[in-house]
Amino acid sequence: MREPKIITDLRHKVEHEWFGTLTRFGSRLGIPVSKLRVFFIYSTFATAGFFFLVYLMMAFTLWVKDIFITRRPNVFDL
């Protein structure tokens, strides 16, 4: 069974606008698309790794704070 024309047109428009971003960007700047894709993939992993390291540093800071700063007992806990 064949897709209706409106669905096909919509799919081609979406593929061209969303998935062809690096292709159009590379062709306008004269950069090979394969180099752009590799750079995009590596930068995605690098930034995700950066935020993961920030998260680990924040968790370590809270852990150290909990070790050195003891909570005072509340009056109602007696």
N, C-alpha and C. Protein backbone atom coordinates (compact mmCIF):
# COMPACT_ATOMS: atom_id res chain seq x y z
N MET A 1 0.85 -1.18 0.00
CA MET A 1 0.00 0.00 0.00
C MET A 1 0.89 1.24 0.00
N ARG A 2 0.52 2.20 -0.76
CA ARG A 2 1.30 3.42 -0.90
C ARG A 2 0.89 4.49 0.10
N GLU A 3 1.86 5.28 0.54
CA GLU A 3 1.56 6.38 1.47
C GLU A 3 0.81 7.48 0.74
N PRO A 4 -0.05 8.19 1.45
CA PRO A 4 -0.68 9.36 0.83
C PRO A 4 0.36 10.43 0.53
N LYS A 5 0.08 11.25 -0.46
CA LYS A 5 1.03 12.28 -0.90
C LYS A 5 1.36 13.27 0.21
N ILE A 6 0.40 13.61 1.03
CA ILE A 6 0.65 14.58 2.10
C ILE A 6 1.64 14.02 3.12
N ILE A 7 1.54 12.72 3.42
CA ILE A 7 2.47 12.09 4.37
C ILE A 7 3.88 12.06 3.76
N THR A 8 3.97 11.72 2.49
CA THR A 8 5.27 11.68 1.83
C THR A 8 5.91 13.06 1.79
N ASP A 9 5.13 14.07 1.45
CA ASP A 9 5.66 15.44 1.41
C ASP A 9 6.12 15.89 2.80
N LEU A 10 5.33 15.58 3.81
CA LEU A 10 5.69 15.95 5.18
C LEU A 10 6.98 15.24 5.61
N ARG A 11 7.10 13.94 5.28
CA ARG A 11 8.30 13.19 5.65
C ARG A 11 9.54 13.76 4.97
N HIS A 12 9.43 14.10 3.68
CA HIS A 12 10.57 14.67 2.97
C HIS A 12 10.96 16.04 3.54
N LYS A 13 9.96 16.84 3.90
CA LYS A 13 10.25 18.16 4.47
C LYS A 13 10.95 18.02 5.82
N VAL A 14 10.45 17.12 6.65
CA VAL A 14 11.05 16.90 7.97
C VAL A 14 12.46 16.35 7.83
N GLU A 15 12.66 15.39 6.94
CA GLU A 15 14.00 14.84 6.75
C GLU A 15 14.97 15.91 6.25
N HIS A 16 14.51 16.76 5.36
CA HIS A 16 15.38 17.80 4.82
C HIS A 16 15.73 18.85 5.88
N GLU A 17 14.76 19.24 6.69
CA GLU A 17 14.99 20.30 7.68
C GLU A 17 15.69 19.80 8.93
N TRP A 18 15.32 18.62 9.41
CA TRP A 18 15.87 18.15 10.68
C TRP A 18 17.13 17.33 10.48
N PHE A 19 17.10 16.37 9.57
CA PHE A 19 18.22 15.45 9.42
C PHE A 19 19.27 15.97 8.46
N GLY A 20 18.96 16.97 7.68
CA GLY A 20 19.93 17.49 6.73
C GLY A 20 20.65 18.73 7.24
N THR A 21 20.59 18.96 8.53
CA THR A 21 21.17 20.18 9.09
C THR A 21 22.68 20.22 8.89
N LEU A 22 23.37 19.15 9.25
CA LEU A 22 24.82 19.14 9.09
C LEU A 22 25.22 19.16 7.62
N THR A 23 24.43 18.53 6.79
CA THR A 23 24.73 18.52 5.35
C THR A 23 24.65 19.93 4.79
N ARG A 24 23.59 20.63 5.10
CA ARG A 24 23.45 22.00 4.60
C ARG A 24 24.49 22.92 5.20
N PHE A 25 24.76 22.76 6.48
CA PHE A 25 25.75 23.61 7.15
C PHE A 25 27.14 23.39 6.54
N GLY A 26 27.49 22.12 6.32
CA GLY A 26 28.79 21.81 5.74
C GLY A 26 28.92 22.28 4.30
N SER A 27 27.86 22.17 3.53
CA SER A 27 27.93 22.61 2.14
C SER A 27 28.04 24.13 2.04
N ARG A 28 27.41 24.84 2.93
CA ARG A 28 27.51 26.31 2.91
C ARG A 28 28.88 26.80 3.35
N LEU A 29 29.51 26.09 4.31
CA LEU A 29 30.81 26.51 4.80
C LEU A 29 31.98 25.86 4.07
N GLY A 30 31.68 24.87 3.25
CA GLY A 30 32.74 24.19 2.52
C GLY A 30 33.51 23.19 3.36
N ILE A 31 32.88 22.66 4.40
CA ILE A 31 33.50 21.67 5.28
C ILE A 31 32.91 20.30 4.92
N PRO A 32 33.75 19.26 4.85
CA PRO A 32 33.21 17.93 4.57
C PRO A 32 32.21 17.50 5.65
N VAL A 33 31.12 16.91 5.20
CA VAL A 33 30.05 16.53 6.13
C VAL A 33 30.52 15.45 7.10
N SER A 34 31.37 14.54 6.63
CA SER A 34 31.85 13.48 7.52
C SER A 34 32.65 14.07 8.68
N LYS A 35 33.44 15.10 8.41
CA LYS A 35 34.21 15.75 9.49
C LYS A 35 33.28 16.44 10.48
N LEU A 36 32.22 17.06 9.98
CA LEU A 36 31.25 17.71 10.87
C LEU A 36 30.54 16.69 11.75
N ARG A 37 30.16 15.57 11.16
CA ARG A 37 29.45 14.54 11.94
C ARG A 37 30.34 13.97 13.03
N VAL A 38 31.60 13.72 12.70
CA VAL A 38 32.53 13.19 13.71
C VAL A 38 32.73 14.22 14.82
N PHE A 39 32.90 15.49 14.45
CA PHE A 39 33.05 16.54 15.45
C PHE A 39 31.81 16.63 16.33
N PHE A 40 30.63 16.55 15.74
CA PHE A 40 29.38 16.63 16.50
C PHE A 40 29.27 15.47 17.48
N ILE A 41 29.60 14.27 17.04
CA ILE A 41 29.51 13.10 17.92
C ILE A 41 30.50 13.22 19.07
N TYR A 42 31.75 13.59 18.77
CA TYR A 42 32.75 13.71 19.83
C TYR A 42 32.42 14.84 20.81
N SER A 43 31.92 15.96 20.30
CA SER A 43 31.58 17.06 21.20
C SER A 43 30.39 16.70 22.08
N THR A 44 29.47 15.90 21.56
CA THR A 44 28.34 15.46 22.38
C THR A 44 28.83 14.60 23.54
N PHE A 45 29.72 13.66 23.25
CA PHE A 45 30.26 12.82 24.32
C PHE A 45 31.10 13.64 25.30
N ALA A 46 31.85 14.59 24.79
CA ALA A 46 32.71 15.40 25.66
C ALA A 46 31.88 16.24 26.62
N THR A 47 30.81 16.86 26.13
CA THR A 47 30.01 17.69 27.02
C THR A 47 29.22 16.85 28.01
N ALA A 48 28.77 15.69 27.58
CA ALA A 48 28.06 14.81 28.53
C ALA A 48 29.03 14.34 29.61
N GLY A 49 30.24 14.04 29.23
CA GLY A 49 31.25 13.64 30.21
C GLY A 49 31.59 14.77 31.16
N PHE A 50 31.62 15.99 30.64
CA PHE A 50 31.91 17.15 31.48
C PHE A 50 30.85 17.32 32.55
N PHE A 51 29.58 17.25 32.15
CA PHE A 51 28.51 17.42 33.13
C PHE A 51 28.45 16.26 34.11
N PHE A 52 28.84 15.07 33.67
CA PHE A 52 28.90 13.94 34.59
C PHE A 52 29.99 14.17 35.64
N LEU A 53 31.13 14.73 35.22
CA LEU A 53 32.19 15.04 36.18
C LEU A 53 31.76 16.13 37.15
N VAL A 54 31.03 17.12 36.67
CA VAL A 54 30.50 18.16 37.56
C VAL A 54 29.55 17.54 38.57
N TYR A 55 28.70 16.61 38.11
CA TYR A 55 27.78 15.92 39.01
C TYR A 55 28.54 15.14 40.08
N LEU A 56 29.60 14.44 39.69
CA LEU A 56 30.38 13.68 40.67
C LEU A 56 31.06 14.60 41.68
N MET A 57 31.55 15.74 41.22
CA MET A 57 32.18 16.70 42.14
C MET A 57 31.15 17.26 43.13
N MET A 58 29.95 17.52 42.67
CA MET A 58 28.91 18.02 43.57
C MET A 58 28.53 16.95 44.60
N ALA A 59 28.43 15.70 44.16
CA ALA A 59 28.10 14.62 45.09
C ALA A 59 29.21 14.44 46.12
N PHE A 60 30.47 14.54 45.69
CA PHE A 60 31.60 14.43 46.62
C PHE A 60 31.58 15.57 47.63
N THR A 61 31.27 16.77 47.17
CA THR A 61 31.22 17.92 48.07
C THR A 61 30.14 17.73 49.13
N LEU A 62 28.98 17.26 48.72
CA LEU A 62 27.92 17.01 49.70
C LEU A 62 28.29 15.90 50.67
N TRP A 63 28.99 14.89 50.18
CA TRP A 63 29.42 13.80 51.05
C TRP A 63 30.40 14.30 52.09
N VAL A 64 31.37 15.12 51.68
CA VAL A 64 32.34 15.69 52.62
C VAL A 64 31.64 16.61 53.61
N LYS A 65 30.70 17.41 53.14
CA LYS A 65 29.96 18.30 54.03
C LYS A 65 29.21 17.50 55.09
N ASP A 66 28.61 16.39 54.70
CA ASP A 66 27.87 15.57 55.66
C ASP A 66 28.80 14.92 56.68
N ILE A 67 30.02 14.65 56.28
CA ILE A 67 30.98 14.04 57.22
C ILE A 67 31.43 15.06 58.26
N PHE A 68 31.78 16.27 57.84
CA PHE A 68 32.36 17.25 58.74
C PHE A 68 31.34 18.09 59.49
N ILE A 69 30.20 18.28 58.93
CA ILE A 69 29.17 19.08 59.60
C ILE A 69 28.12 18.12 60.13
N THR A 70 28.12 17.99 61.45
CA THR A 70 27.14 17.11 62.07
C THR A 70 25.90 17.93 62.41
N ARG A 71 24.79 17.31 62.27
CA ARG A 71 23.54 18.01 62.57
C ARG A 71 23.29 18.00 64.07
N ARG A 72 22.88 19.12 64.56
CA ARG A 72 22.57 19.20 65.99
C ARG A 72 21.23 18.52 66.23
N PRO A 73 21.12 17.83 67.35
CA PRO A 73 19.84 17.20 67.64
C PRO A 73 18.76 18.25 67.91
N ASN A 74 17.62 17.98 67.45
CA ASN A 74 16.48 18.87 67.62
C ASN A 74 15.95 18.75 69.05
N VAL A 75 15.31 19.77 69.53
CA VAL A 75 14.74 19.75 70.88
C VAL A 75 13.68 18.68 70.97
N PHE A 76 12.96 18.47 69.92
CA PHE A 76 11.86 17.53 69.95
C PHE A 76 12.33 16.08 69.81
N ASP A 77 13.61 15.86 69.48
CA ASP A 77 14.14 14.50 69.34
C ASP A 77 14.54 13.89 70.68
N LEU A 78 14.50 14.65 71.75
CA LEU A 78 14.92 14.15 73.06
C LEU A 78 13.93 13.18 73.53
